[in-house]
């Protein structure tokens, strides 16, 4: 890809990411508002975001090619991938228990939700959180942002910056959101595979929903 084409490509990516943040903020402000007529669709938020991202990726050739280049499905047949999955899941679990034991960091409603788990959540909500959210979040934060930053500033700083951004969009548990971002970013960097990062994210969300 020529230098001019690369610049244009990443400008498109930046505009796409900004549009994503604006749309997500709008959806959260409307769909998640109990007084809104759209509130009945709150359990489908993750599925809606995934559907929108899929349409964009399939429509734009540049994004489609980029996704194919970074998905790295072959990593899923490597034994080292599953060793890293175990290590990072353990790190996430221990970090969660430590951070969430500091109750002063969280509001009461979040602590109640965390204590009683997700047993009462509708099935479509759980499917969205466990399967669909990891796919679009990993594509955006690791596949686009981390991959792009890494080419300019190296892996360490890139993982840190994208992890901070990832934490800040997880309102209610920003600190642990940053830890999650670090774990997913590390998996993406080590295995050079978006598929490996998505799998880690899916497994963690499934465990966290128990």
N, C-alpha and C. Protein backbone atom coordinates (compact mmCIF):
# COMPACT_ATOMS: atom_id res chain seq x y z
N UNK A 1 0.84 -1.20 0.00
CA UNK A 1 0.00 0.00 0.00
C UNK A 1 0.88 1.25 0.00
N UNK A 2 0.65 2.19 -0.93
CA UNK A 2 1.42 3.41 -1.01
C UNK A 2 1.18 4.28 0.21
N UNK A 3 2.16 5.20 0.47
CA UNK A 3 2.07 6.05 1.65
C UNK A 3 0.78 6.86 1.67
N UNK A 4 0.43 7.44 0.52
CA UNK A 4 -0.80 8.25 0.45
C UNK A 4 -2.02 7.39 0.73
N UNK A 5 -2.03 6.17 0.20
CA UNK A 5 -3.16 5.26 0.42
C UNK A 5 -3.25 4.86 1.89
N UNK A 6 -2.09 4.68 2.53
CA UNK A 6 -2.08 4.33 3.95
C UNK A 6 -2.68 5.45 4.79
N UNK A 7 -2.28 6.69 4.47
CA UNK A 7 -2.80 7.84 5.20
C UNK A 7 -4.31 7.93 5.05
N UNK A 8 -4.79 7.79 3.83
CA UNK A 8 -6.23 7.84 3.57
C UNK A 8 -6.95 6.71 4.29
N UNK A 9 -6.33 5.53 4.30
CA UNK A 9 -6.95 4.38 4.97
C UNK A 9 -7.13 4.66 6.45
N UNK A 10 -6.07 5.17 7.11
CA UNK A 10 -6.16 5.38 8.56
C UNK A 10 -7.02 6.59 8.91
N UNK A 11 -7.14 7.54 7.99
CA UNK A 11 -8.09 8.64 8.20
C UNK A 11 -9.51 8.07 8.20
N UNK A 12 -9.78 7.16 7.27
CA UNK A 12 -11.09 6.50 7.23
C UNK A 12 -11.35 5.72 8.51
N UNK A 13 -10.32 5.03 8.99
CA UNK A 13 -10.45 4.25 10.22
C UNK A 13 -10.76 5.16 11.40
N UNK A 14 -10.03 6.28 11.49
CA UNK A 14 -10.24 7.23 12.59
C UNK A 14 -11.66 7.78 12.55
N UNK A 15 -12.12 8.19 11.38
CA UNK A 15 -13.48 8.71 11.24
C UNK A 15 -14.51 7.64 11.59
N UNK A 16 -14.23 6.41 11.18
CA UNK A 16 -15.12 5.30 11.49
C UNK A 16 -15.21 5.09 13.00
N UNK A 17 -14.06 5.14 13.69
CA UNK A 17 -14.05 4.92 15.13
C UNK A 17 -14.77 6.05 15.86
N UNK A 18 -14.56 7.28 15.43
CA UNK A 18 -15.27 8.42 16.03
C UNK A 18 -16.78 8.25 15.85
N UNK A 19 -17.18 7.85 14.65
CA UNK A 19 -18.60 7.62 14.38
C UNK A 19 -19.15 6.53 15.29
N UNK A 20 -18.35 5.48 15.51
CA UNK A 20 -18.77 4.40 16.40
C UNK A 20 -19.02 4.93 17.81
N UNK A 21 -18.09 5.74 18.33
CA UNK A 21 -18.24 6.27 19.68
C UNK A 21 -19.48 7.15 19.79
N UNK A 22 -19.71 7.97 18.77
CA UNK A 22 -20.88 8.86 18.78
C UNK A 22 -22.17 8.04 18.75
N UNK A 23 -22.21 7.04 17.88
CA UNK A 23 -23.41 6.19 17.76
C UNK A 23 -23.66 5.41 19.04
N UNK A 24 -22.57 4.86 19.62
CA UNK A 24 -22.74 4.10 20.86
C UNK A 24 -23.23 5.00 21.98
N UNK A 25 -22.67 6.21 22.08
CA UNK A 25 -23.11 7.15 23.11
C UNK A 25 -24.58 7.49 22.93
N UNK A 26 -25.00 7.68 21.68
CA UNK A 26 -26.40 7.99 21.39
C UNK A 26 -27.30 6.82 21.78
N UNK A 27 -26.89 5.61 21.42
CA UNK A 27 -27.70 4.43 21.75
C UNK A 27 -27.80 4.24 23.26
N UNK A 28 -26.70 4.45 23.95
CA UNK A 28 -26.72 4.31 25.41
C UNK A 28 -27.63 5.35 26.04
N UNK A 29 -27.63 6.55 25.46
CA UNK A 29 -28.45 7.63 26.01
C UNK A 29 -29.94 7.44 25.72
N UNK A 30 -30.26 6.71 24.67
CA UNK A 30 -31.67 6.52 24.29
C UNK A 30 -32.18 5.13 24.67
N UNK A 31 -31.51 4.11 24.18
CA UNK A 31 -31.98 2.74 24.43
C UNK A 31 -31.94 2.39 25.91
N UNK A 32 -30.92 2.86 26.62
CA UNK A 32 -30.77 2.51 28.03
C UNK A 32 -31.54 3.45 28.95
N UNK A 33 -32.22 4.43 28.40
CA UNK A 33 -33.04 5.35 29.20
C UNK A 33 -34.40 4.69 29.45
N UNK A 34 -34.71 4.44 30.71
CA UNK A 34 -35.94 3.73 31.07
C UNK A 34 -37.19 4.46 30.62
N UNK A 35 -37.09 5.77 30.38
CA UNK A 35 -38.26 6.54 29.95
C UNK A 35 -38.39 6.58 28.42
N UNK A 36 -37.42 6.02 27.72
CA UNK A 36 -37.43 6.06 26.26
C UNK A 36 -38.27 4.94 25.68
N UNK A 37 -38.89 5.22 24.52
CA UNK A 37 -39.68 4.19 23.84
C UNK A 37 -38.79 3.06 23.30
N UNK A 38 -37.48 3.33 23.20
CA UNK A 38 -36.52 2.33 22.71
C UNK A 38 -35.99 1.43 23.82
N UNK A 39 -36.40 1.70 25.05
CA UNK A 39 -35.86 0.96 26.20
C UNK A 39 -36.13 -0.54 26.09
N UNK A 40 -37.21 -0.92 25.41
CA UNK A 40 -37.56 -2.34 25.28
C UNK A 40 -36.50 -3.11 24.48
N UNK A 41 -35.65 -2.38 23.75
CA UNK A 41 -34.62 -3.03 22.93
C UNK A 41 -33.25 -3.07 23.63
N UNK A 42 -33.20 -2.71 24.91
CA UNK A 42 -31.92 -2.61 25.60
C UNK A 42 -31.15 -3.92 25.63
N UNK A 43 -31.87 -5.05 25.66
CA UNK A 43 -31.19 -6.35 25.72
C UNK A 43 -30.54 -6.74 24.39
N UNK A 44 -30.84 -5.97 23.35
CA UNK A 44 -30.30 -6.28 22.01
C UNK A 44 -29.17 -5.32 21.61
N UNK A 45 -28.69 -4.50 22.56
CA UNK A 45 -27.67 -3.49 22.26
C UNK A 45 -26.44 -4.08 21.58
N UNK A 46 -25.87 -5.12 22.18
CA UNK A 46 -24.65 -5.71 21.64
C UNK A 46 -24.88 -6.32 20.26
N UNK A 47 -26.05 -6.94 20.09
CA UNK A 47 -26.37 -7.54 18.80
C UNK A 47 -26.52 -6.46 17.73
N UNK A 48 -27.14 -5.33 18.10
CA UNK A 48 -27.31 -4.22 17.16
C UNK A 48 -25.96 -3.63 16.76
N UNK A 49 -25.06 -3.45 17.75
CA UNK A 49 -23.74 -2.91 17.45
C UNK A 49 -22.95 -3.86 16.55
N UNK A 50 -23.04 -5.15 16.83
CA UNK A 50 -22.35 -6.15 16.00
C UNK A 50 -22.88 -6.13 14.57
N UNK A 51 -24.20 -6.05 14.44
CA UNK A 51 -24.81 -6.04 13.11
C UNK A 51 -24.36 -4.82 12.31
N UNK A 52 -24.34 -3.66 12.98
CA UNK A 52 -23.89 -2.45 12.32
C UNK A 52 -22.45 -2.54 11.85
N UNK A 53 -21.57 -3.07 12.73
CA UNK A 53 -20.17 -3.22 12.37
C UNK A 53 -20.00 -4.18 11.20
N UNK A 54 -20.73 -5.28 11.22
CA UNK A 54 -20.63 -6.27 10.15
C UNK A 54 -21.01 -5.67 8.81
N UNK A 55 -22.08 -4.88 8.80
CA UNK A 55 -22.52 -4.23 7.56
C UNK A 55 -21.44 -3.30 7.02
N UNK A 56 -20.82 -2.53 7.93
CA UNK A 56 -19.78 -1.59 7.52
C UNK A 56 -18.57 -2.33 6.96
N UNK A 57 -18.13 -3.38 7.67
CA UNK A 57 -16.95 -4.15 7.23
C UNK A 57 -17.20 -4.80 5.87
N UNK A 58 -18.39 -5.34 5.67
CA UNK A 58 -18.70 -5.99 4.40
C UNK A 58 -18.87 -4.99 3.26
N UNK A 59 -19.28 -3.77 3.62
CA UNK A 59 -19.53 -2.74 2.60
C UNK A 59 -18.25 -2.07 2.13
N UNK A 60 -17.32 -1.81 3.07
CA UNK A 60 -16.09 -1.08 2.73
C UNK A 60 -14.96 -2.06 2.42
N UNK A 61 -14.46 -2.08 1.19
CA UNK A 61 -13.40 -3.02 0.80
C UNK A 61 -12.14 -2.91 1.66
N UNK A 62 -11.75 -1.68 2.03
CA UNK A 62 -10.53 -1.48 2.82
C UNK A 62 -10.65 -2.16 4.18
N UNK A 63 -11.79 -1.99 4.83
CA UNK A 63 -12.00 -2.63 6.13
C UNK A 63 -12.08 -4.14 5.99
N UNK A 64 -12.70 -4.60 4.93
CA UNK A 64 -12.83 -6.04 4.70
C UNK A 64 -11.46 -6.69 4.52
N UNK A 65 -10.60 -6.05 3.72
CA UNK A 65 -9.24 -6.57 3.51
C UNK A 65 -8.44 -6.54 4.80
N UNK A 66 -8.61 -5.46 5.56
CA UNK A 66 -7.88 -5.32 6.83
C UNK A 66 -8.29 -6.43 7.80
N UNK A 67 -9.57 -6.71 7.88
CA UNK A 67 -10.06 -7.75 8.77
C UNK A 67 -9.47 -9.11 8.39
N UNK A 68 -9.44 -9.41 7.10
CA UNK A 68 -8.91 -10.69 6.63
C UNK A 68 -7.42 -10.82 6.97
N UNK A 69 -6.69 -9.70 6.89
CA UNK A 69 -5.25 -9.71 7.15
C UNK A 69 -4.93 -9.98 8.62
N UNK A 70 -5.75 -9.47 9.53
CA UNK A 70 -5.39 -9.54 10.96
C UNK A 70 -6.12 -10.62 11.73
N UNK A 71 -7.11 -11.30 11.13
CA UNK A 71 -7.94 -12.21 11.91
C UNK A 71 -7.13 -13.38 12.47
N UNK A 72 -6.17 -13.91 11.72
CA UNK A 72 -5.24 -14.90 12.25
C UNK A 72 -5.88 -16.15 12.83
N UNK A 73 -6.74 -16.78 12.06
CA UNK A 73 -7.45 -17.98 12.54
C UNK A 73 -6.50 -19.12 12.86
N UNK A 74 -5.35 -19.18 12.18
CA UNK A 74 -4.40 -20.27 12.40
C UNK A 74 -3.90 -20.35 13.84
N UNK A 75 -3.93 -19.21 14.54
CA UNK A 75 -3.49 -19.21 15.93
C UNK A 75 -4.35 -20.11 16.81
N UNK A 76 -5.57 -20.36 16.38
CA UNK A 76 -6.50 -21.17 17.19
C UNK A 76 -6.14 -22.65 17.19
N UNK A 77 -5.22 -23.07 16.32
CA UNK A 77 -4.80 -24.48 16.33
C UNK A 77 -3.42 -24.64 16.97
N UNK A 78 -2.86 -23.55 17.50
CA UNK A 78 -1.56 -23.61 18.16
C UNK A 78 -1.74 -23.84 19.66
N UNK A 79 -0.98 -24.78 20.21
CA UNK A 79 -1.11 -25.10 21.63
C UNK A 79 -0.74 -23.93 22.53
N UNK A 80 0.22 -23.12 22.09
CA UNK A 80 0.64 -21.99 22.91
C UNK A 80 -0.50 -20.99 23.12
N UNK A 81 -1.42 -20.93 22.16
CA UNK A 81 -2.58 -20.04 22.30
C UNK A 81 -3.39 -20.40 23.53
N UNK A 82 -3.58 -21.68 23.75
CA UNK A 82 -4.42 -22.13 24.86
C UNK A 82 -3.68 -22.03 26.19
N UNK A 83 -2.36 -22.08 26.16
CA UNK A 83 -1.59 -21.81 27.37
C UNK A 83 -1.76 -20.35 27.76
N UNK A 84 -1.67 -19.46 26.79
CA UNK A 84 -1.88 -18.04 27.07
C UNK A 84 -3.31 -17.74 27.49
N UNK A 85 -4.26 -18.45 26.92
CA UNK A 85 -5.65 -18.29 27.35
C UNK A 85 -5.79 -18.61 28.82
N UNK A 86 -5.20 -19.71 29.25
CA UNK A 86 -5.29 -20.12 30.66
C UNK A 86 -4.62 -19.08 31.56
N UNK A 87 -3.42 -18.64 31.18
CA UNK A 87 -2.68 -17.68 32.00
C UNK A 87 -3.45 -16.37 32.13
N UNK A 88 -3.94 -15.86 31.02
CA UNK A 88 -4.61 -14.56 31.03
C UNK A 88 -5.99 -14.63 31.69
N UNK A 89 -6.69 -15.74 31.54
CA UNK A 89 -7.96 -15.91 32.26
C UNK A 89 -7.72 -15.93 33.76
N UNK A 90 -6.64 -16.58 34.18
CA UNK A 90 -6.29 -16.61 35.61
C UNK A 90 -5.95 -15.21 36.10
N UNK A 91 -5.18 -14.48 35.32
CA UNK A 91 -4.83 -13.09 35.68
C UNK A 91 -6.09 -12.24 35.79
N UNK A 92 -7.00 -12.39 34.85
CA UNK A 92 -8.25 -11.63 34.87
C UNK A 92 -9.08 -11.97 36.10
N UNK A 93 -9.17 -13.24 36.42
CA UNK A 93 -9.97 -13.66 37.58
C UNK A 93 -9.39 -13.09 38.87
N UNK A 94 -8.08 -13.24 39.06
CA UNK A 94 -7.45 -12.76 40.29
C UNK A 94 -7.53 -11.23 40.38
N UNK A 95 -7.36 -10.56 39.25
CA UNK A 95 -7.45 -9.10 39.22
C UNK A 95 -8.86 -8.64 39.57
N UNK A 96 -9.84 -9.33 39.02
CA UNK A 96 -11.23 -8.96 39.31
C UNK A 96 -11.53 -9.10 40.79
N UNK A 97 -11.12 -10.22 41.38
CA UNK A 97 -11.40 -10.44 42.80
C UNK A 97 -10.72 -9.38 43.66
N UNK A 98 -9.50 -9.00 43.30
CA UNK A 98 -8.77 -7.99 44.07
C UNK A 98 -9.42 -6.62 43.92
N UNK A 99 -9.68 -6.22 42.68
CA UNK A 99 -10.22 -4.88 42.42
C UNK A 99 -11.64 -4.74 42.97
N UNK A 100 -12.48 -5.75 42.77
CA UNK A 100 -13.86 -5.65 43.22
C UNK A 100 -14.01 -5.80 44.73
N UNK A 101 -12.93 -6.23 45.40
CA UNK A 101 -12.97 -6.27 46.87
C UNK A 101 -12.85 -4.87 47.46
N UNK A 102 -12.41 -3.92 46.65
CA UNK A 102 -12.29 -2.52 47.07
C UNK A 102 -13.62 -1.83 46.79
N UNK A 103 -14.59 -2.05 47.63
CA UNK A 103 -15.96 -1.63 47.37
C UNK A 103 -16.12 -0.12 47.22
N UNK A 104 -15.20 0.65 47.79
CA UNK A 104 -15.33 2.11 47.71
C UNK A 104 -15.15 2.62 46.28
N UNK A 105 -14.64 1.77 45.38
CA UNK A 105 -14.44 2.17 43.99
C UNK A 105 -15.72 2.11 43.16
N UNK A 106 -16.77 1.47 43.70
CA UNK A 106 -17.96 1.19 42.89
C UNK A 106 -19.22 1.69 43.59
N UNK A 107 -20.25 1.97 42.77
CA UNK A 107 -21.51 2.38 43.37
C UNK A 107 -22.30 1.15 43.80
N UNK A 108 -23.31 1.37 44.62
CA UNK A 108 -24.06 0.27 45.24
C UNK A 108 -24.76 -0.62 44.21
N UNK A 109 -25.35 -0.01 43.17
CA UNK A 109 -26.09 -0.80 42.18
C UNK A 109 -25.16 -1.75 41.43
N UNK A 110 -23.94 -1.29 41.16
CA UNK A 110 -22.99 -2.17 40.46
C UNK A 110 -22.58 -3.34 41.35
N UNK A 111 -22.34 -3.07 42.62
CA UNK A 111 -21.93 -4.13 43.55
C UNK A 111 -23.03 -5.18 43.71
N UNK A 112 -24.29 -4.74 43.72
CA UNK A 112 -25.40 -5.68 43.82
C UNK A 112 -25.45 -6.56 42.58
N UNK A 113 -25.28 -5.94 41.40
CA UNK A 113 -25.27 -6.70 40.15
C UNK A 113 -24.13 -7.70 40.12
N UNK A 114 -22.97 -7.28 40.58
CA UNK A 114 -21.80 -8.17 40.59
C UNK A 114 -21.98 -9.32 41.57
N UNK A 115 -22.55 -9.01 42.73
CA UNK A 115 -22.73 -10.03 43.77
C UNK A 115 -23.68 -11.12 43.34
N UNK A 116 -24.78 -10.73 42.70
CA UNK A 116 -25.81 -11.71 42.34
C UNK A 116 -25.67 -12.26 40.93
N UNK A 117 -24.65 -11.78 40.19
CA UNK A 117 -24.36 -12.36 38.88
C UNK A 117 -25.40 -12.02 37.84
N UNK A 118 -25.40 -12.81 36.75
CA UNK A 118 -26.25 -12.52 35.60
C UNK A 118 -27.35 -13.55 35.40
N UNK A 119 -27.68 -14.28 36.46
CA UNK A 119 -28.67 -15.35 36.30
C UNK A 119 -30.03 -14.83 35.86
N UNK A 120 -30.36 -13.61 36.25
CA UNK A 120 -31.69 -13.08 35.94
C UNK A 120 -31.74 -12.33 34.61
N UNK A 121 -30.60 -12.22 33.93
CA UNK A 121 -30.57 -11.47 32.68
C UNK A 121 -31.22 -12.26 31.55
N UNK A 122 -31.93 -11.58 30.64
CA UNK A 122 -32.56 -12.25 29.50
C UNK A 122 -31.52 -12.94 28.62
N UNK A 123 -31.91 -14.00 27.95
CA UNK A 123 -30.99 -14.80 27.16
C UNK A 123 -30.36 -13.99 26.02
N UNK A 124 -31.14 -13.10 25.38
CA UNK A 124 -30.58 -12.31 24.28
C UNK A 124 -29.51 -11.34 24.77
N UNK A 125 -29.69 -10.84 26.00
CA UNK A 125 -28.68 -9.97 26.59
C UNK A 125 -27.38 -10.73 26.80
N UNK A 126 -27.49 -11.94 27.36
CA UNK A 126 -26.31 -12.75 27.63
C UNK A 126 -25.60 -13.15 26.34
N UNK A 127 -26.37 -13.53 25.33
CA UNK A 127 -25.78 -13.90 24.04
C UNK A 127 -25.02 -12.70 23.45
N UNK A 128 -25.64 -11.53 23.55
CA UNK A 128 -25.00 -10.32 23.03
C UNK A 128 -23.71 -10.01 23.75
N UNK A 129 -23.73 -10.08 25.08
CA UNK A 129 -22.56 -9.75 25.89
C UNK A 129 -21.45 -10.78 25.73
N UNK A 130 -21.81 -12.06 25.67
CA UNK A 130 -20.81 -13.13 25.63
C UNK A 130 -20.22 -13.32 24.23
N UNK A 131 -21.02 -13.19 23.19
CA UNK A 131 -20.55 -13.52 21.84
C UNK A 131 -20.37 -12.28 20.96
N UNK A 132 -21.40 -11.47 20.84
CA UNK A 132 -21.36 -10.38 19.87
C UNK A 132 -20.49 -9.21 20.31
N UNK A 133 -20.58 -8.81 21.59
CA UNK A 133 -19.78 -7.68 22.07
C UNK A 133 -18.28 -7.92 21.93
N UNK A 134 -17.76 -9.10 22.30
CA UNK A 134 -16.32 -9.35 22.12
C UNK A 134 -15.85 -9.19 20.68
N UNK A 135 -16.67 -9.59 19.73
CA UNK A 135 -16.25 -9.52 18.32
C UNK A 135 -16.08 -8.07 17.89
N UNK A 136 -17.10 -7.23 18.11
CA UNK A 136 -16.98 -5.85 17.61
C UNK A 136 -16.02 -5.02 18.46
N UNK A 137 -15.94 -5.30 19.77
CA UNK A 137 -15.00 -4.55 20.60
C UNK A 137 -13.56 -4.88 20.26
N UNK A 138 -13.27 -6.16 20.02
CA UNK A 138 -11.90 -6.54 19.66
C UNK A 138 -11.51 -6.01 18.28
N UNK A 139 -12.44 -6.03 17.35
CA UNK A 139 -12.13 -5.50 16.02
C UNK A 139 -11.80 -4.01 16.11
N UNK A 140 -12.56 -3.28 16.91
CA UNK A 140 -12.36 -1.84 17.03
C UNK A 140 -11.09 -1.50 17.81
N UNK A 141 -10.93 -2.10 18.99
CA UNK A 141 -9.84 -1.69 19.88
C UNK A 141 -8.51 -2.36 19.56
N UNK A 142 -8.53 -3.65 19.25
CA UNK A 142 -7.28 -4.33 18.92
C UNK A 142 -7.04 -4.35 17.41
N UNK A 143 -8.07 -4.67 16.64
CA UNK A 143 -7.89 -4.80 15.20
C UNK A 143 -7.64 -3.48 14.49
N UNK A 144 -8.23 -2.40 14.99
CA UNK A 144 -8.04 -1.09 14.35
C UNK A 144 -7.07 -0.21 15.13
N UNK A 145 -7.44 0.13 16.36
CA UNK A 145 -6.63 1.08 17.13
C UNK A 145 -5.26 0.53 17.50
N UNK A 146 -5.22 -0.62 18.18
CA UNK A 146 -3.94 -1.17 18.61
C UNK A 146 -3.04 -1.49 17.41
N UNK A 147 -3.61 -2.10 16.40
CA UNK A 147 -2.84 -2.43 15.20
C UNK A 147 -2.27 -1.17 14.56
N UNK A 148 -3.06 -0.12 14.50
CA UNK A 148 -2.59 1.13 13.90
C UNK A 148 -1.55 1.83 14.74
N UNK A 149 -1.80 1.96 16.06
CA UNK A 149 -0.85 2.62 16.95
C UNK A 149 0.48 1.87 17.00
N UNK A 150 0.42 0.54 16.96
CA UNK A 150 1.62 -0.29 17.09
C UNK A 150 2.63 0.00 15.98
N UNK A 151 2.14 0.38 14.82
CA UNK A 151 3.03 0.69 13.70
C UNK A 151 3.77 2.00 13.90
N UNK A 152 3.26 2.86 14.79
CA UNK A 152 3.85 4.18 14.99
C UNK A 152 4.61 4.31 16.32
N UNK A 153 4.15 3.64 17.37
CA UNK A 153 4.71 3.87 18.69
C UNK A 153 5.12 2.60 19.43
N UNK A 154 5.11 1.46 18.76
CA UNK A 154 5.54 0.23 19.41
C UNK A 154 4.42 -0.43 20.20
N UNK A 155 4.61 -1.71 20.58
CA UNK A 155 3.54 -2.47 21.23
C UNK A 155 3.17 -2.02 22.64
N UNK A 156 4.18 -1.70 23.46
CA UNK A 156 3.91 -1.37 24.86
C UNK A 156 2.99 -0.19 25.03
N UNK A 157 3.36 0.93 24.44
CA UNK A 157 2.56 2.16 24.56
C UNK A 157 1.22 2.00 23.86
N UNK A 158 1.21 1.28 22.76
CA UNK A 158 -0.04 1.06 22.02
C UNK A 158 -1.04 0.27 22.85
N UNK A 159 -0.56 -0.79 23.50
CA UNK A 159 -1.43 -1.60 24.35
C UNK A 159 -1.95 -0.77 25.51
N UNK A 160 -1.08 0.05 26.11
CA UNK A 160 -1.48 0.88 27.25
C UNK A 160 -2.55 1.89 26.85
N UNK A 161 -2.33 2.61 25.76
CA UNK A 161 -3.28 3.64 25.33
C UNK A 161 -4.64 3.04 25.00
N UNK A 162 -4.64 1.95 24.23
CA UNK A 162 -5.92 1.33 23.85
C UNK A 162 -6.61 0.71 25.06
N UNK A 163 -5.83 0.26 26.04
CA UNK A 163 -6.42 -0.31 27.26
C UNK A 163 -7.09 0.77 28.09
N UNK A 164 -6.48 1.95 28.14
CA UNK A 164 -7.09 3.08 28.85
C UNK A 164 -8.41 3.47 28.19
N UNK A 165 -8.40 3.55 26.87
CA UNK A 165 -9.64 3.86 26.14
C UNK A 165 -10.69 2.79 26.38
N UNK A 166 -10.27 1.54 26.36
CA UNK A 166 -11.19 0.42 26.57
C UNK A 166 -11.79 0.48 27.97
N UNK A 167 -10.97 0.84 28.96
CA UNK A 167 -11.46 0.95 30.33
C UNK A 167 -12.48 2.05 30.49
N UNK A 168 -12.24 3.19 29.84
CA UNK A 168 -13.12 4.34 29.99
C UNK A 168 -14.50 4.13 29.38
N UNK A 169 -14.62 3.23 28.39
CA UNK A 169 -15.96 2.99 27.84
C UNK A 169 -16.75 1.99 28.69
N UNK A 170 -16.07 1.38 29.67
CA UNK A 170 -16.76 0.44 30.56
C UNK A 170 -17.10 1.16 31.86
N UNK A 171 -18.08 2.02 31.75
CA UNK A 171 -18.52 2.83 32.88
C UNK A 171 -18.98 1.93 34.01
N UNK A 172 -18.50 2.21 35.21
CA UNK A 172 -18.87 1.40 36.37
C UNK A 172 -17.72 0.56 36.88
N UNK A 173 -16.81 0.18 35.98
CA UNK A 173 -15.64 -0.59 36.41
C UNK A 173 -14.45 -0.27 35.50
N UNK A 174 -14.11 1.02 35.49
CA UNK A 174 -13.06 1.51 34.60
C UNK A 174 -11.72 0.83 34.87
N UNK A 175 -11.35 0.70 36.15
CA UNK A 175 -10.05 0.12 36.50
C UNK A 175 -9.94 -1.30 35.98
N UNK A 176 -10.96 -2.10 36.23
CA UNK A 176 -10.90 -3.48 35.74
C UNK A 176 -11.04 -3.52 34.22
N UNK A 177 -11.75 -2.56 33.65
CA UNK A 177 -11.83 -2.46 32.19
C UNK A 177 -10.46 -2.26 31.57
N UNK A 178 -9.61 -1.48 32.25
CA UNK A 178 -8.24 -1.28 31.77
C UNK A 178 -7.45 -2.59 31.84
N UNK A 179 -7.64 -3.34 32.94
CA UNK A 179 -6.97 -4.64 33.07
C UNK A 179 -7.41 -5.58 31.96
N UNK A 180 -8.71 -5.59 31.65
CA UNK A 180 -9.20 -6.41 30.54
C UNK A 180 -8.54 -5.99 29.23
N UNK A 181 -8.47 -4.68 29.00
CA UNK A 181 -7.86 -4.18 27.78
C UNK A 181 -6.40 -4.61 27.66
N UNK A 182 -5.67 -4.57 28.78
CA UNK A 182 -4.28 -5.01 28.79
C UNK A 182 -4.17 -6.48 28.43
N UNK A 183 -5.05 -7.30 28.99
CA UNK A 183 -5.02 -8.74 28.74
C UNK A 183 -5.35 -9.06 27.29
N UNK A 184 -6.42 -8.46 26.78
CA UNK A 184 -6.81 -8.72 25.39
C UNK A 184 -5.75 -8.19 24.42
N UNK A 185 -5.19 -7.02 24.75
CA UNK A 185 -4.14 -6.45 23.90
C UNK A 185 -2.89 -7.30 23.88
N UNK A 186 -2.53 -7.85 25.04
CA UNK A 186 -1.36 -8.72 25.12
C UNK A 186 -1.55 -9.97 24.28
N UNK A 187 -2.74 -10.55 24.35
CA UNK A 187 -3.03 -11.74 23.54
C UNK A 187 -2.94 -11.41 22.05
N UNK A 188 -3.50 -10.29 21.66
CA UNK A 188 -3.46 -9.88 20.25
C UNK A 188 -2.02 -9.68 19.78
N UNK A 189 -1.20 -9.08 20.63
CA UNK A 189 0.19 -8.80 20.26
C UNK A 189 1.03 -10.08 20.21
N UNK A 190 0.89 -10.93 21.21
CA UNK A 190 1.70 -12.14 21.28
C UNK A 190 1.39 -13.10 20.14
N UNK A 191 0.11 -13.31 19.88
CA UNK A 191 -0.29 -14.29 18.87
C UNK A 191 -0.49 -13.68 17.49
N UNK A 192 -0.42 -12.34 17.38
CA UNK A 192 -0.66 -11.68 16.10
C UNK A 192 -1.97 -12.17 15.49
N UNK A 193 -2.98 -12.25 16.34
CA UNK A 193 -4.25 -12.84 15.91
C UNK A 193 -5.42 -12.16 16.58
N UNK A 194 -6.30 -11.59 15.78
CA UNK A 194 -7.54 -11.02 16.31
C UNK A 194 -8.45 -12.13 16.83
N UNK A 195 -8.44 -13.28 16.15
CA UNK A 195 -9.28 -14.40 16.57
C UNK A 195 -8.93 -14.86 17.98
N UNK A 196 -7.64 -14.87 18.32
CA UNK A 196 -7.22 -15.28 19.66
C UNK A 196 -7.70 -14.29 20.72
N UNK A 197 -7.62 -12.99 20.40
CA UNK A 197 -8.11 -11.97 21.34
C UNK A 197 -9.62 -12.07 21.52
N UNK A 198 -10.34 -12.33 20.43
CA UNK A 198 -11.79 -12.49 20.50
C UNK A 198 -12.15 -13.70 21.36
N UNK A 199 -11.43 -14.81 21.17
CA UNK A 199 -11.71 -16.02 21.95
C UNK A 199 -11.48 -15.77 23.44
N UNK A 200 -10.39 -15.09 23.79
CA UNK A 200 -10.13 -14.76 25.19
C UNK A 200 -11.26 -13.90 25.75
N UNK A 201 -11.69 -12.92 24.99
CA UNK A 201 -12.76 -12.01 25.42
C UNK A 201 -14.07 -12.77 25.62
N UNK A 202 -14.39 -13.67 24.69
CA UNK A 202 -15.61 -14.46 24.80
C UNK A 202 -15.58 -15.35 26.03
N UNK A 203 -14.46 -16.04 26.24
CA UNK A 203 -14.34 -16.94 27.39
C UNK A 203 -14.44 -16.16 28.70
N UNK A 204 -13.80 -14.98 28.74
CA UNK A 204 -13.87 -14.20 29.97
C UNK A 204 -15.29 -13.70 30.23
N UNK A 205 -15.96 -13.18 29.22
CA UNK A 205 -17.33 -12.71 29.42
C UNK A 205 -18.25 -13.85 29.85
N UNK A 206 -18.01 -15.05 29.31
CA UNK A 206 -18.82 -16.21 29.70
C UNK A 206 -18.58 -16.55 31.17
N UNK A 207 -17.32 -16.56 31.59
CA UNK A 207 -17.00 -16.86 32.99
C UNK A 207 -17.54 -15.78 33.91
N UNK A 208 -17.41 -14.52 33.49
CA UNK A 208 -17.87 -13.40 34.32
C UNK A 208 -19.39 -13.37 34.45
N UNK A 209 -20.09 -14.01 33.51
CA UNK A 209 -21.56 -14.02 33.54
C UNK A 209 -22.12 -15.12 34.42
N UNK A 210 -21.25 -16.02 34.90
CA UNK A 210 -21.74 -17.12 35.74
C UNK A 210 -22.16 -16.62 37.11
